[in-house]
Amino acid sequence: MSKSLSLISALLCTFIWGTTFIAQDTGMDKIGPLTFNGARFLIGFLSIIPFALIFENSKIIKQINNNRTEFFKLLFWIGLFLFLGTFVQQAALLYTDIANAAFFTVFYVPMVPIILYIFYKKKIHWSIWPSAILCVGGVYLLSDFSNATVRFGDSLVILCAFFWALHIIFIGKFIKIFDIPLFFGALQALVVASFSFLLGFFFENISFANILNESLSIIYAGVLSGGIAFTLQIFAQKNIAPSPSAIIFSLESVFAAIAAWIILNQYLDINNIIGCVLILTGVIFSQILPETNKTNNK
C-alpha cells in the first residue's frame, strides 16, 4: 500500500471519528457508557468480520502461526488500550461538550512521541515537536476552564488520550509484523465489546429495550467508527509512523467541533476557530517537513 493511500485512509478514519462524537453524545440518553460501548463495538465486529473472512481468509492462519504468542499478546494490549480509551472518552461526554471532548482527546499527539522517546529510544523528526505544540495550543483555545463540571470531563478526556497514545503505538508495532488488518480490526472490536459488557453487567443496568431505543446512534458509531474507522487506522499506520499518525488523527477534533456546531448548535467563537486552524497547521507541518528534508538530502 502506498503512503498516499495510507494518508487517505488516515484522513477518512479521522473524519469518521470526528463526526461519530455526535452519535456518542446523543446515544447515552437511556444507557450508560459501558453498555453503549459494548453494543457499539459488537456492531463494529459484526460489520467487519465478513469482509475479513472474504478478503483475508487465505492468510489469516498463516499470519497468526508465524508468531502466535506475539499476535495474542498484541491483541490483548491493543484491545485493552482501545477499551480504556473509548470508555473513558464516552464517560467524559457525560460532563463536557463534544468540542472539548474532541479537542482534549488530541493530547495523544505530544504523548506518542514522548512515550516513544522515553521507553523505546526512538528518534523523532524535529517537525513533530512544533506540530505537537500547535495542536496543544489549538486544544487550549477550545477549553472552558471556568466550568468545574467541564473541567472534570476534560480531565477524563486527557486520561483517555494516554490510552489512545498507547493504542496508536501498539498498532504501529502490530502492522510491522502482521498483514491482516481487517481480521485484526474485527477482533479488537470484539475484545472491546467483551470488556465493556463484562464490566457493564456489574456497574450498569443493561437493558435490551433501552439499547434498541439508542439503536440509530449505536449502529452509526458501531459500523462507521467501531468497525470501519478503527480498521482504516490499521491500514493508515502501515506506511505512516506513529508520531505523524497521531498528528493526522488529531484532525478528528476539528471535524467533531464543526459537526457539533452544525448539527447540535454548539457554538464556535473566534478562539475556537483559531484553535482549529492551529491544529490543521500542525498536521500539515508534520507531513510536509519530513518529506521536504528527504527531497533536499537526495
Protein backbone atom coordinates (compact mmCIF):
# COMPACT_ATOMS: atom_id res chain seq x y z
CA MET A 1 0.00 0.00 0.00
CA SER A 2 1.40 3.41 -0.97
CA LYS A 3 1.86 6.22 1.53
CA SER A 4 -0.73 8.33 -0.31
CA LEU A 5 -3.33 5.57 0.15
CA SER A 6 -2.37 5.31 3.82
CA LEU A 7 -2.81 9.07 4.13
CA ILE A 8 -6.28 8.87 2.56
CA SER A 9 -7.15 6.05 4.99
CA ALA A 10 -5.96 8.18 7.91
CA LEU A 11 -7.98 11.22 6.82
CA LEU A 12 -11.14 9.18 6.21
CA CYS A 13 -10.69 7.43 9.57
CA THR A 14 -10.26 10.82 11.25
CA PHE A 15 -13.37 12.28 9.59
CA ILE A 16 -15.45 9.30 10.79
CA TRP A 17 -14.08 9.57 14.33
CA GLY A 18 -14.85 13.28 14.46
CA THR A 19 -18.43 13.03 13.24
CA THR A 20 -19.09 9.99 15.45
CA PHE A 21 -18.82 12.20 18.54
CA ILE A 22 -22.40 13.31 17.77
CA ALA A 23 -23.68 9.72 17.96
CA GLN A 24 -21.58 9.05 21.07
CA ASP A 25 -23.08 12.06 22.82
CA THR A 26 -26.72 11.52 21.82
CA GLY A 27 -26.61 7.74 22.30
CA MET A 28 -26.45 7.80 26.11
CA ASP A 29 -29.90 9.17 26.87
CA LYS A 30 -31.12 5.80 28.17
CA ILE A 31 -27.97 3.68 28.57
CA GLY A 32 -24.61 4.02 30.31
CA PRO A 33 -21.20 4.44 28.65
CA LEU A 34 -20.19 0.78 29.14
CA THR A 35 -23.42 -0.50 27.58
CA PHE A 36 -23.13 1.95 24.68
CA ASN A 37 -19.50 0.96 24.13
CA GLY A 38 -20.27 -2.76 24.25
CA ALA A 39 -23.14 -2.51 21.76
CA ARG A 40 -21.17 -0.15 19.54
CA PHE A 41 -18.13 -2.40 19.23
CA LEU A 42 -20.17 -5.58 18.89
CA ILE A 43 -21.82 -3.95 15.85
CA GLY A 44 -18.32 -2.94 14.71
CA PHE A 45 -17.13 -6.55 14.92
CA LEU A 46 -20.16 -7.86 13.00
CA SER A 47 -19.71 -5.23 10.28
CA ILE A 48 -16.03 -6.04 9.61
CA ILE A 49 -15.66 -9.80 10.17
CA PRO A 50 -17.48 -10.83 6.94
CA PHE A 51 -15.05 -8.73 4.85
CA ALA A 52 -12.09 -10.12 6.78
CA LEU A 53 -13.19 -13.69 6.05
CA ILE A 54 -13.75 -12.87 2.37
CA PHE A 55 -10.56 -10.93 1.63
CA GLU A 56 -8.06 -12.32 4.16
CA ASN A 57 -9.27 -15.87 4.77
CA SER A 58 -6.38 -17.45 2.85
CA LYS A 59 -3.68 -15.86 5.01
CA ILE A 60 -5.22 -15.49 8.49
CA ILE A 61 -3.99 -18.84 9.89
CA LYS A 62 -0.55 -18.47 8.29
CA GLN A 63 -0.08 -14.95 9.63
CA ILE A 64 -1.07 -15.91 13.17
CA ASN A 65 1.06 -19.07 13.16
CA ASN A 66 4.13 -17.04 12.16
CA ASN A 67 4.19 -15.59 15.68
CA ARG A 68 1.19 -16.82 17.64
CA THR A 69 2.42 -15.58 21.05
CA GLU A 70 3.08 -12.05 19.78
CA PHE A 71 -0.27 -11.93 17.95
CA PHE A 72 -2.35 -12.72 21.03
CA LYS A 73 -0.21 -10.52 23.27
CA LEU A 74 -0.72 -7.55 20.96
CA LEU A 75 -4.42 -8.37 20.59
CA PHE A 76 -4.85 -8.25 24.38
CA TRP A 77 -2.96 -5.00 24.92
CA ILE A 78 -4.37 -3.21 21.88
CA GLY A 79 -7.89 -4.31 22.79
CA LEU A 80 -7.38 -3.20 26.40
CA PHE A 81 -6.00 0.21 25.45
CA LEU A 82 -8.84 0.73 22.96
CA PHE A 83 -11.40 -0.27 25.59
CA LEU A 84 -9.95 2.09 28.21
CA GLY A 85 -9.64 4.95 25.74
CA THR A 86 -13.15 4.66 24.35
CA PHE A 87 -14.80 4.03 27.74
CA VAL A 88 -13.16 6.99 29.48
CA GLN A 89 -13.93 9.20 26.48
CA GLN A 90 -17.54 8.01 26.48
CA ALA A 91 -17.88 8.69 30.21
CA ALA A 92 -16.35 12.15 29.78
CA LEU A 93 -19.15 13.12 27.40
CA LEU A 94 -21.50 13.00 30.40
CA TYR A 95 -19.64 16.00 31.86
CA THR A 96 -18.28 18.04 28.96
CA ASP A 97 -19.40 19.03 25.48
CA ILE A 98 -18.37 17.48 22.17
CA ALA A 99 -15.89 20.17 21.13
CA ASN A 100 -13.99 19.98 24.43
CA ALA A 101 -14.01 16.17 24.43
CA ALA A 102 -12.72 16.03 20.87
CA PHE A 103 -10.02 18.62 21.36
CA PHE A 104 -8.70 17.33 24.67
CA THR A 105 -8.51 13.86 23.13
CA VAL A 106 -5.71 15.13 20.87
CA PHE A 107 -3.35 15.33 23.81
CA TYR A 108 -2.24 11.95 22.46
CA VAL A 109 -0.34 13.99 19.83
CA PRO A 110 2.51 15.02 22.16
CA MET A 111 2.12 11.83 24.24
CA VAL A 112 3.01 9.49 21.33
CA PRO A 113 6.50 10.89 20.55
CA ILE A 114 7.25 11.35 24.27
CA ILE A 115 6.39 7.71 25.05
CA LEU A 116 8.35 6.51 22.02
CA TYR A 117 11.37 8.58 23.01
CA ILE A 118 11.38 7.66 26.72
CA PHE A 119 10.55 3.95 26.53
CA TYR A 120 11.71 2.94 23.06
CA LYS A 121 14.59 5.42 22.47
CA LYS A 122 13.07 6.15 19.08
CA LYS A 123 14.43 9.16 17.21
CA ILE A 124 11.79 11.66 16.18
CA HIS A 125 11.89 14.14 13.31
CA TRP A 126 12.21 17.65 14.73
CA SER A 127 8.99 18.79 12.99
CA ILE A 128 6.90 16.60 15.32
CA TRP A 129 7.57 18.90 18.30
CA PRO A 130 6.37 22.24 16.82
CA SER A 131 3.47 20.34 15.24
CA ALA A 132 2.52 18.89 18.63
CA ILE A 133 2.78 22.35 20.25
CA LEU A 134 0.46 23.80 17.60
CA CYS A 135 -2.05 21.01 18.26
CA VAL A 136 -1.95 21.52 22.03
CA GLY A 137 -2.32 25.28 21.51
CA GLY A 138 -5.40 24.59 19.44
CA VAL A 139 -6.77 22.42 22.24
CA TYR A 140 -6.26 25.23 24.76
CA LEU A 141 -8.29 27.66 22.65
CA LEU A 142 -11.27 25.32 22.79
CA SER A 143 -11.17 24.72 26.54
CA ASP A 144 -13.56 26.13 29.14
CA PHE A 145 -11.70 26.46 32.44
CA SER A 146 -14.48 28.45 34.13
CA ASN A 147 -16.81 25.45 34.49
CA ALA A 148 -15.86 22.89 37.19
CA THR A 149 -18.03 20.13 35.71
CA VAL A 150 -16.50 20.67 32.30
CA ARG A 151 -13.01 20.64 33.88
CA PHE A 152 -13.72 17.19 35.37
CA GLY A 153 -14.93 15.91 31.99
CA ASP A 154 -11.89 17.42 30.28
CA SER A 155 -9.60 15.70 32.82
CA LEU A 156 -11.18 12.36 31.93
CA VAL A 157 -10.54 13.04 28.24
CA ILE A 158 -6.87 13.79 28.92
CA LEU A 159 -6.65 10.41 30.67
CA CYS A 160 -8.27 8.73 27.66
CA ALA A 161 -5.68 10.45 25.42
CA PHE A 162 -2.96 8.48 27.22
CA PHE A 163 -4.67 5.21 26.28
CA TRP A 164 -5.14 6.44 22.69
CA ALA A 165 -1.41 7.14 22.52
CA LEU A 166 -0.59 3.60 23.65
CA HIS A 167 -3.13 2.19 21.18
CA ILE A 168 -1.52 4.05 18.27
CA ILE A 169 1.98 2.92 19.30
CA PHE A 170 0.98 -0.74 19.63
CA ILE A 171 -0.94 -0.69 16.32
CA GLY A 172 2.31 0.53 14.76
CA LYS A 173 4.08 -2.49 16.26
CA PHE A 174 1.36 -4.88 15.08
CA ILE A 175 1.27 -3.73 11.46
CA LYS A 176 5.04 -4.23 11.11
CA ILE A 177 4.65 -7.93 11.96
CA PHE A 178 1.23 -8.97 10.63
CA ASP A 179 -0.68 -8.20 7.43
CA ILE A 180 -4.31 -8.98 8.33
CA PRO A 181 -5.73 -5.53 9.14
CA LEU A 182 -9.39 -6.45 8.50
CA PHE A 183 -9.31 -9.55 10.70
CA PHE A 184 -7.42 -7.78 13.47
CA GLY A 185 -9.73 -4.75 13.25
CA ALA A 186 -12.68 -7.08 13.81
CA LEU A 187 -11.00 -8.93 16.69
CA GLN A 188 -10.01 -5.77 18.56
CA ALA A 189 -13.63 -4.59 18.32
CA LEU A 190 -14.76 -7.91 19.81
CA VAL A 191 -12.26 -7.55 22.68
CA VAL A 192 -13.56 -4.04 23.46
CA ALA A 193 -17.18 -5.25 23.35
CA SER A 194 -16.33 -8.13 25.71
CA PHE A 195 -14.60 -5.88 28.26
CA SER A 196 -17.46 -3.36 28.05
CA PHE A 197 -20.31 -5.85 28.57
CA LEU A 198 -18.41 -7.68 31.32
CA LEU A 199 -17.98 -4.51 33.39
CA GLY A 200 -21.38 -3.19 32.35
CA PHE A 201 -23.00 -6.29 33.84
CA PHE A 202 -21.64 -5.29 37.26
CA PHE A 203 -21.84 -1.49 37.13
CA GLU A 204 -24.78 -0.69 34.86
CA ASN A 205 -28.31 -1.88 34.29
CA ILE A 206 -28.07 -3.43 30.83
CA SER A 207 -31.49 -3.34 29.18
CA PHE A 208 -32.02 -4.69 25.68
CA ALA A 209 -35.07 -2.42 25.27
CA ASN A 210 -33.00 0.66 26.12
CA ILE A 211 -30.27 -0.46 23.72
CA LEU A 212 -32.88 -0.67 20.96
CA ASN A 213 -34.02 2.87 21.81
CA GLU A 214 -30.48 4.08 21.05
CA SER A 215 -30.09 1.82 18.02
CA LEU A 216 -29.52 4.56 15.43
CA SER A 217 -26.63 6.11 17.38
CA ILE A 218 -25.19 2.68 18.19
CA ILE A 219 -25.33 1.49 14.57
CA TYR A 220 -23.75 4.71 13.29
CA ALA A 221 -20.99 4.66 15.91
CA GLY A 222 -20.57 0.88 15.58
CA VAL A 223 -20.41 0.39 11.82
CA LEU A 224 -18.57 3.59 10.91
CA SER A 225 -16.32 4.16 13.95
CA GLY A 226 -16.10 0.87 15.84
CA GLY A 227 -15.74 -1.12 12.61
CA ILE A 228 -14.62 0.85 9.56
CA ALA A 229 -12.63 3.72 11.13
CA PHE A 230 -10.52 1.62 13.50
CA THR A 231 -9.74 -0.77 10.64
CA LEU A 232 -8.77 2.19 8.42
CA GLN A 233 -6.42 3.24 11.23
CA ILE A 234 -4.54 -0.03 10.85
CA PHE A 235 -4.28 0.46 7.07
CA ALA A 236 -3.11 4.05 7.62
CA GLN A 237 -0.34 3.12 10.03
CA LYS A 238 1.13 0.63 7.56
CA ASN A 239 3.05 3.46 5.86
CA ILE A 240 2.82 6.28 8.41
CA ALA A 241 4.86 6.23 11.62
CA PRO A 242 3.06 6.56 14.98
CA SER A 243 4.08 10.18 15.71
CA PRO A 244 2.87 11.74 12.43
CA SER A 245 -0.13 9.38 12.50
CA ALA A 246 -1.16 10.84 15.86
CA ILE A 247 -0.98 14.36 14.44
CA ILE A 248 -3.15 13.44 11.43
CA PHE A 249 -5.66 11.72 13.72
CA SER A 250 -5.86 14.92 15.80
CA LEU A 251 -7.95 16.37 12.97
CA GLU A 252 -10.85 14.44 14.47
CA SER A 253 -11.22 17.33 16.90
CA VAL A 254 -11.71 19.77 14.04
CA PHE A 255 -14.33 17.57 12.37
CA ALA A 256 -16.08 16.99 15.71
CA ALA A 257 -16.24 20.68 16.55
CA ILE A 258 -17.61 21.57 13.12
CA ALA A 259 -20.18 18.75 13.26
CA ALA A 260 -21.29 19.83 16.76
CA TRP A 261 -21.58 23.41 15.52
CA ILE A 262 -23.70 22.46 12.51
CA ILE A 263 -25.86 19.68 14.00
CA LEU A 264 -26.11 20.47 17.71
CA ASN A 265 -25.61 24.26 17.60
CA GLN A 266 -22.63 24.03 19.97
CA TYR A 267 -21.30 27.45 19.00
CA LEU A 268 -17.67 28.05 17.97
CA ASP A 269 -16.28 31.50 18.73
CA ILE A 270 -13.20 33.11 17.16
CA ASN A 271 -10.83 31.39 19.64
CA ASN A 272 -12.29 28.01 18.74
CA ILE A 273 -11.83 28.68 15.04
CA ILE A 274 -8.22 29.79 15.59
CA GLY A 275 -7.71 26.54 17.52
CA CYS A 276 -8.95 24.55 14.51
CA VAL A 277 -6.52 26.43 12.26
CA LEU A 278 -3.59 25.76 14.61
CA ILE A 279 -4.29 22.03 14.64
CA LEU A 280 -4.64 21.92 10.85
CA THR A 281 -1.31 23.77 10.54
CA GLY A 282 0.33 21.25 12.87
CA VAL A 283 -0.96 18.35 10.77
CA ILE A 284 0.37 19.91 7.57
CA PHE A 285 3.80 20.60 9.12
CA SER A 286 4.11 17.04 10.37
CA GLN A 287 3.57 15.65 6.87
CA ILE A 288 5.31 18.19 4.63
CA LEU A 289 8.54 19.00 6.51
CA PRO A 290 9.92 15.41 6.75
CA GLU A 291 9.26 14.89 3.03
CA THR A 292 10.96 18.22 2.21
CA ASN A 293 14.07 17.14 4.12
CA LYS A 294 14.16 13.82 2.27
CA THR A 295 13.99 15.66 -1.07
CA ASN A 296 16.77 18.09 -0.08
CA ASN A 297 19.01 15.24 1.08
CA LYS A 298 18.82 13.42 -2.26
